[in-house]
Amino acid sequence: MTPLAKLLEAALFASAAPVPVDALSLMASHADDGETTLDAALDELKAHYDNEGHGVELVEVAGGWQILTRPEYTEAIERAQLAARPQRLSAAALETLAIIAYRQPIGRAEIEEIRGVGAGAILKSLHERGLIDIVGRGEGLGRPLLYGTTPSFLEQFALRHLEELPRADELAIALRAPRPATPTSPVAAATGNGEAPARAD
């Protein structure tokens, strides 16, 4: 590998979070490798992991780059308790987070109107976890706080940017409750074809 690719590998390996592109660019500008661009070095490092059978990969996530375990090994590592697993979010927290992600910037009152229940405790929890932040104030009465997602949200859900969120129509299909199975009569179940057997004359 080129000297710049090796330097980037060392920096990414030492970081527990995605390294922003700006930080990598600054590092590259001070590196003694005037012949290799940042993009070329990242491509080289990515190809190195992809083509030589490594158990890790270079991933673009949350506006930066990070060396991560390949998905096929994640479950085994978690079973062995070798990696810190983020605390699971409740269904209500995930629902609130999804509303914020798709409608940001959004205020508490609108979130509660959509969900039909209070959201104060959940907003506090999401904010403490660093998944959402206050991004401004609304123009309505009292100028309510507006919430938006953070880079930590992108990191936790392995997104490079918000445009990678599923489209609203795709999400609606994924969350749609399965249709109940069509009732099957005992006769149809016995015959296995859904049809009543022919009556013998």
Protein backbone atom coordinates (compact mmCIF):
# COMPACT_ATOMS: atom_id res chain seq x y z
CA MET A 1 0.00 0.00 0.00
CA THR A 2 1.02 3.60 -0.49
CA PRO A 3 2.26 5.56 2.55
CA LEU A 4 -0.94 7.62 2.67
CA ALA A 5 -3.14 4.49 2.61
CA LYS A 6 -1.11 3.07 5.51
CA LEU A 7 -1.45 6.33 7.46
CA LEU A 8 -5.22 6.37 6.93
CA GLU A 9 -5.45 2.74 8.01
CA ALA A 10 -3.60 3.52 11.25
CA ALA A 11 -5.82 6.54 11.99
CA LEU A 12 -9.05 4.68 11.24
CA PHE A 13 -7.96 1.67 13.28
CA ALA A 14 -7.22 3.90 16.27
CA SER A 15 -10.65 5.57 16.17
CA ALA A 16 -13.75 4.05 17.76
CA ALA A 17 -16.01 6.34 15.70
CA PRO A 18 -16.16 7.33 12.02
CA VAL A 19 -13.37 9.77 11.15
CA PRO A 20 -14.80 12.83 9.35
CA VAL A 21 -13.60 13.47 5.81
CA ASP A 22 -12.30 16.90 6.88
CA ALA A 23 -10.00 15.28 9.44
CA LEU A 24 -8.75 12.76 6.88
CA SER A 25 -8.15 15.54 4.36
CA LEU A 26 -6.12 17.49 6.91
CA MET A 27 -4.07 14.42 7.68
CA ALA A 28 -3.49 13.79 3.99
CA SER A 29 -2.36 17.38 3.44
CA HIS A 30 0.38 16.92 6.03
CA ALA A 31 1.44 13.48 4.80
CA ASP A 32 4.68 13.11 2.90
CA ASP A 33 2.99 11.54 -0.11
CA GLY A 34 2.29 14.19 -2.72
CA GLU A 35 1.48 11.65 -5.43
CA THR A 36 -1.58 10.05 -3.79
CA THR A 37 -4.92 11.82 -3.30
CA LEU A 38 -7.22 11.14 -0.36
CA ASP A 39 -9.84 9.50 -2.59
CA ALA A 40 -7.22 7.28 -4.22
CA ALA A 41 -5.83 6.23 -0.83
CA LEU A 42 -9.32 5.40 0.50
CA ASP A 43 -10.08 3.39 -2.64
CA GLU A 44 -6.78 1.55 -2.23
CA LEU A 45 -7.48 0.73 1.40
CA LYS A 46 -11.04 -0.38 0.64
CA ALA A 47 -9.84 -2.65 -2.17
CA HIS A 48 -7.16 -4.05 0.14
CA TYR A 49 -9.80 -5.26 2.61
CA ASP A 50 -12.28 -6.37 -0.06
CA ASN A 51 -9.89 -8.33 -2.27
CA GLU A 52 -7.67 -10.08 0.25
CA GLY A 53 -10.23 -11.88 2.39
CA HIS A 54 -10.13 -9.71 5.51
CA GLY A 55 -12.73 -9.96 8.27
CA VAL A 56 -13.11 -6.17 8.35
CA GLU A 57 -14.09 -3.62 5.74
CA LEU A 58 -13.77 0.11 5.14
CA VAL A 59 -17.21 1.72 5.27
CA GLU A 60 -18.39 5.26 4.57
CA VAL A 61 -20.79 6.16 7.37
CA ALA A 62 -22.14 9.30 9.07
CA GLY A 63 -20.12 11.68 6.92
CA GLY A 64 -16.83 9.89 7.55
CA TRP A 65 -15.02 6.58 7.20
CA GLN A 66 -14.64 3.69 9.65
CA ILE A 67 -13.11 0.21 9.72
CA LEU A 68 -15.88 -2.19 10.77
CA THR A 69 -16.38 -5.91 11.24
CA ARG A 70 -17.98 -7.52 8.22
CA PRO A 71 -21.71 -8.19 8.79
CA GLU A 72 -21.36 -11.96 8.50
CA TYR A 73 -19.13 -12.04 11.61
CA THR A 74 -21.07 -9.58 13.77
CA GLU A 75 -23.43 -12.11 15.35
CA ALA A 76 -20.63 -14.48 16.40
CA ILE A 77 -18.64 -11.62 17.93
CA GLU A 78 -21.68 -10.37 19.84
CA ARG A 79 -22.41 -13.89 21.12
CA ALA A 80 -18.86 -14.05 22.46
CA GLN A 81 -19.44 -10.63 24.08
CA LEU A 82 -16.32 -9.25 22.46
CA ALA A 83 -18.00 -6.07 21.24
CA ALA A 84 -20.01 -3.44 23.05
CA ARG A 85 -23.60 -3.62 21.86
CA PRO A 86 -25.65 -0.41 21.94
CA GLN A 87 -28.60 -0.62 24.32
CA ARG A 88 -31.73 -1.53 22.42
CA LEU A 89 -34.32 1.14 21.76
CA SER A 90 -37.93 0.51 22.70
CA ALA A 91 -40.61 0.40 20.02
CA ALA A 92 -41.88 3.80 21.18
CA ALA A 93 -38.37 5.28 21.00
CA LEU A 94 -37.83 3.87 17.51
CA GLU A 95 -41.17 5.26 16.37
CA THR A 96 -40.34 8.70 17.77
CA LEU A 97 -36.87 8.58 16.22
CA ALA A 98 -38.34 7.68 12.84
CA ILE A 99 -40.76 10.62 13.01
CA ILE A 100 -37.88 12.98 13.77
CA ALA A 101 -35.67 11.50 11.05
CA TYR A 102 -38.31 11.91 8.34
CA ARG A 103 -39.85 15.22 9.43
CA GLN A 104 -36.94 17.15 10.95
CA PRO A 105 -36.78 19.82 12.12
CA ILE A 106 -39.85 19.00 14.17
CA GLY A 107 -41.25 20.12 17.53
CA ARG A 108 -42.51 18.08 20.46
CA ALA A 109 -46.14 19.08 19.93
CA GLU A 110 -46.16 17.77 16.35
CA ILE A 111 -44.48 14.53 17.45
CA GLU A 112 -47.10 14.03 20.15
CA GLU A 113 -49.89 14.82 17.69
CA ILE A 114 -48.60 12.15 15.31
CA ARG A 115 -48.09 9.51 18.01
CA GLY A 116 -51.13 10.41 20.10
CA VAL A 117 -49.18 10.21 23.37
CA GLY A 118 -46.71 12.34 25.33
CA ALA A 119 -43.14 12.31 24.09
CA GLY A 120 -41.22 14.21 26.77
CA ALA A 121 -39.49 11.23 28.41
CA ILE A 122 -38.60 9.60 25.09
CA LEU A 123 -37.18 12.84 23.67
CA LYS A 124 -35.06 13.22 26.81
CA SER A 125 -33.76 9.65 26.46
CA LEU A 126 -32.95 10.02 22.75
CA HIS A 127 -31.19 13.30 23.46
CA GLU A 128 -29.12 11.74 26.26
CA ARG A 129 -28.07 8.95 23.90
CA GLY A 130 -26.90 11.52 21.38
CA LEU A 131 -29.30 10.33 18.67
CA ILE A 132 -31.17 13.65 18.45
CA ASP A 133 -30.32 17.25 19.21
CA ILE A 134 -32.01 20.62 19.37
CA VAL A 135 -31.52 22.23 15.96
CA GLY A 136 -33.51 25.44 16.34
CA ARG A 137 -36.77 27.01 17.44
CA GLY A 138 -40.13 27.11 15.73
CA GLU A 139 -42.06 30.23 14.79
CA GLY A 140 -45.18 29.34 16.76
CA LEU A 141 -46.37 30.36 20.20
CA GLY A 142 -43.50 30.24 22.67
CA ARG A 143 -41.04 29.39 19.88
CA PRO A 144 -40.91 25.66 20.63
CA LEU A 145 -37.67 23.66 20.42
CA LEU A 146 -37.12 21.80 17.16
CA TYR A 147 -35.39 18.42 17.04
CA GLY A 148 -33.25 16.74 14.41
CA THR A 149 -31.03 13.67 14.16
CA THR A 150 -27.27 13.68 14.80
CA PRO A 151 -24.20 12.04 13.24
CA SER A 152 -24.47 9.42 16.00
CA PHE A 153 -27.89 8.48 14.59
CA LEU A 154 -26.32 7.91 11.17
CA GLU A 155 -23.50 5.91 12.75
CA GLN A 156 -25.79 3.66 14.79
CA PHE A 157 -27.94 2.84 11.76
CA ALA A 158 -24.97 2.59 9.34
CA LEU A 159 -26.14 5.42 7.09
CA ARG A 160 -23.84 7.72 5.13
CA HIS A 161 -26.47 10.46 5.02
CA LEU A 162 -30.19 10.94 5.53
CA GLU A 163 -30.91 10.34 1.84
CA GLU A 164 -30.18 6.66 2.51
CA LEU A 165 -33.24 6.34 4.74
CA PRO A 166 -35.91 4.10 3.21
CA ARG A 167 -38.53 6.04 1.28
CA ALA A 168 -41.74 6.65 3.20
CA ASP A 169 -43.71 4.30 0.93
CA GLU A 170 -41.12 1.53 1.40
CA LEU A 171 -41.27 1.99 5.16
CA ALA A 172 -45.05 1.81 5.14
CA ILE A 173 -44.91 -1.53 3.30
CA ALA A 174 -42.27 -2.90 5.67
CA LEU A 175 -44.30 -1.96 8.74
CA ARG A 176 -47.64 -3.11 7.38
CA ALA A 177 -49.20 -5.84 9.49
CA PRO A 178 -49.35 -9.22 7.72
CA ARG A 179 -52.71 -10.23 6.36
CA PRO A 180 -54.48 -12.90 8.39
CA ALA A 181 -54.40 -16.31 6.80
CA THR A 182 -57.51 -17.30 4.89
CA PRO A 183 -59.57 -19.69 7.05
CA THR A 184 -59.27 -23.24 5.84
CA SER A 185 -62.01 -25.76 6.43
CA PRO A 186 -61.08 -29.12 7.94
CA VAL A 187 -62.09 -30.78 4.69
CA ALA A 188 -59.85 -28.54 2.61
CA ALA A 189 -56.99 -29.06 5.04
CA ALA A 190 -57.40 -32.80 4.77
CA THR A 191 -57.38 -32.82 0.99
CA GLY A 192 -54.47 -30.37 0.81
CA ASN A 193 -55.86 -28.51 -2.20
CA GLY A 194 -58.41 -26.17 -0.69
CA GLU A 195 -61.25 -27.95 -2.50
CA ALA A 196 -63.92 -30.24 -1.15
CA PRO A 197 -63.57 -33.87 -2.29
CA ALA A 198 -65.95 -35.11 -4.93
CA ARG A 199 -68.98 -36.96 -3.53
CA ALA A 200 -69.08 -40.60 -4.37
CA ASP A 201 -72.30 -41.64 -6.07
